[in-house]
Amino acid sequence: VESADASPALSRAVATALSPVLKAAANTRNKADGGQLLELNKLQETAGADAAERWLTAALLASLETEVADIETRAAAPQSFREREDELEAGEGLGLFGVGVGLALVTIVAQNVLFGG
């Protein structure tokens, strides 16, 4: 907030000096979301002549965003056949490993009991 007795020339000089920094910050924000927020704000400002038209446009945009998010979720790369096979083999391998260890223990115990080892 500027004081009432601040000189207009000083204000212009400060604004001119800070202009590149402010522009760089705005560009960084725009790049972070691909400029979507800026374009969304522009669209909402020019969406209609009155509040009802702007509200309708905002509701339609929200619906569109939801649809796009659903499409992106469905379009995610499905798991390849090889990845599914690897997962199944890993799960079966652990199960067979457990059976093998169990059988080895039963064999050792049986040998000790039967042959007094």
Protein backbone atom coordinates (compact mmCIF):
# COMPACT_ATOMS: atom_id res chain seq x y z
CA VAL A 1 0.00 0.00 0.00
CA GLU A 2 1.39 3.35 -0.98
CA SER A 3 1.29 6.29 1.34
CA ALA A 4 -0.70 9.36 0.35
CA ASP A 5 2.40 11.51 0.03
CA ALA A 6 4.33 9.09 -2.23
CA SER A 7 5.51 10.61 -5.46
CA PRO A 8 3.95 9.30 -8.68
CA ALA A 9 7.37 9.29 -10.32
CA LEU A 10 8.72 7.04 -7.56
CA SER A 11 5.73 4.72 -7.94
CA ARG A 12 6.31 4.45 -11.69
CA ALA A 13 10.01 3.81 -11.14
CA VAL A 14 9.25 1.02 -8.66
CA ALA A 15 6.66 -0.50 -10.99
CA THR A 16 9.10 -0.34 -13.90
CA ALA A 17 11.88 -1.89 -11.84
CA LEU A 18 9.66 -4.72 -10.59
CA SER A 19 7.91 -5.34 -13.92
CA PRO A 20 10.36 -8.01 -15.21
CA VAL A 21 10.24 -9.87 -11.91
CA LEU A 22 6.44 -9.82 -11.80
CA LYS A 23 6.23 -10.90 -15.44
CA ALA A 24 8.63 -13.80 -14.81
CA ALA A 25 6.57 -14.91 -11.81
CA ALA A 26 3.36 -14.79 -13.85
CA ASN A 27 4.98 -16.78 -16.67
CA THR A 28 6.18 -19.39 -14.18
CA ARG A 29 2.65 -19.77 -12.80
CA ASN A 30 1.27 -20.09 -16.33
CA LYS A 31 3.84 -22.73 -17.27
CA ALA A 32 3.15 -24.74 -14.12
CA ASP A 33 -0.39 -25.52 -15.25
CA GLY A 34 0.16 -25.09 -18.98
CA GLY A 35 -1.66 -21.75 -18.93
CA GLN A 36 -4.95 -23.50 -18.18
CA LEU A 37 -5.81 -21.34 -15.18
CA LEU A 38 -5.18 -18.13 -17.12
CA GLU A 39 -7.34 -19.28 -20.02
CA LEU A 40 -10.05 -20.50 -17.64
CA ASN A 41 -10.15 -17.08 -15.97
CA LYS A 42 -10.33 -15.33 -19.34
CA LEU A 43 -13.16 -17.61 -20.43
CA GLN A 44 -15.11 -17.04 -17.23
CA GLU A 45 -14.70 -13.27 -17.49
CA THR A 46 -16.05 -13.23 -21.04
CA ALA A 47 -18.55 -16.05 -20.53
CA GLY A 48 -21.72 -14.03 -20.44
CA ALA A 49 -23.41 -10.74 -20.04
CA ASP A 50 -24.76 -11.43 -16.56
CA ALA A 51 -24.08 -13.60 -13.52
CA ALA A 52 -26.48 -16.36 -14.64
CA GLU A 53 -24.66 -16.84 -17.94
CA ARG A 54 -21.28 -16.85 -16.19
CA TRP A 55 -22.58 -19.39 -13.64
CA LEU A 56 -23.84 -21.63 -16.46
CA THR A 57 -20.48 -21.43 -18.20
CA ALA A 58 -18.66 -22.28 -14.95
CA ALA A 59 -20.96 -25.29 -14.42
CA LEU A 60 -20.36 -26.50 -17.98
CA LEU A 61 -16.60 -26.12 -17.55
CA ALA A 62 -16.70 -28.10 -14.30
CA SER A 63 -18.63 -30.86 -16.07
CA LEU A 64 -16.12 -30.85 -18.91
CA GLU A 65 -13.19 -31.05 -16.48
CA THR A 66 -14.80 -34.06 -14.78
CA GLU A 67 -15.30 -35.79 -18.13
CA VAL A 68 -11.69 -35.14 -19.15
CA ALA A 69 -10.43 -36.51 -15.83
CA ASP A 70 -12.52 -39.67 -16.34
CA ILE A 71 -11.16 -40.11 -19.86
CA GLU A 72 -7.58 -39.64 -18.66
CA THR A 73 -8.12 -42.24 -15.94
CA ARG A 74 -9.50 -44.76 -18.44
CA ALA A 75 -6.75 -43.98 -20.94
CA ALA A 76 -4.00 -44.81 -18.45
CA ALA A 77 -1.70 -47.43 -19.91
CA PRO A 78 -3.09 -50.87 -19.17
CA GLN A 79 -0.81 -53.44 -17.65
CA SER A 80 0.99 -55.45 -20.31
CA PHE A 81 0.58 -59.19 -20.65
CA ARG A 82 4.20 -59.74 -19.57
CA GLU A 83 3.75 -57.62 -16.42
CA ARG A 84 0.65 -59.64 -15.46
CA GLU A 85 2.51 -62.90 -16.05
CA ASP A 86 5.45 -61.71 -13.94
CA GLU A 87 3.11 -60.82 -11.08
CA LEU A 88 1.40 -64.19 -11.26
CA GLU A 89 4.72 -66.02 -11.33
CA ALA A 90 5.96 -64.03 -8.34
CA GLY A 91 2.83 -64.92 -6.38
CA GLU A 92 3.03 -68.60 -7.36
CA GLY A 93 6.74 -68.68 -6.65
CA LEU A 94 6.21 -67.57 -3.08
CA GLY A 95 3.46 -70.16 -2.63
CA LEU A 96 5.58 -72.99 -4.06
CA PHE A 97 8.54 -71.82 -2.01
CA GLY A 98 6.46 -72.15 1.15
CA VAL A 99 5.27 -75.64 0.11
CA GLY A 100 8.85 -76.69 -0.61
CA VAL A 101 10.11 -75.48 2.76
CA GLY A 102 7.17 -77.19 4.49
CA LEU A 103 7.86 -80.50 2.74
CA ALA A 104 11.56 -80.28 3.61
CA LEU A 105 10.72 -79.77 7.30
CA VAL A 106 8.24 -82.64 7.28
CA THR A 107 10.86 -84.90 5.64
CA ILE A 108 13.51 -83.98 8.23
CA VAL A 109 11.12 -84.56 11.12
CA ALA A 110 9.94 -87.87 9.60
CA GLN A 111 13.51 -89.06 9.15
CA ASN A 112 14.39 -88.16 12.73
CA VAL A 113 11.32 -89.94 14.08
CA LEU A 114 11.55 -93.04 11.88
CA PHE A 115 15.28 -93.52 11.79
CA GLY A 116 16.17 -91.98 15.15
CA GLY A 117 18.58 -89.55 13.58
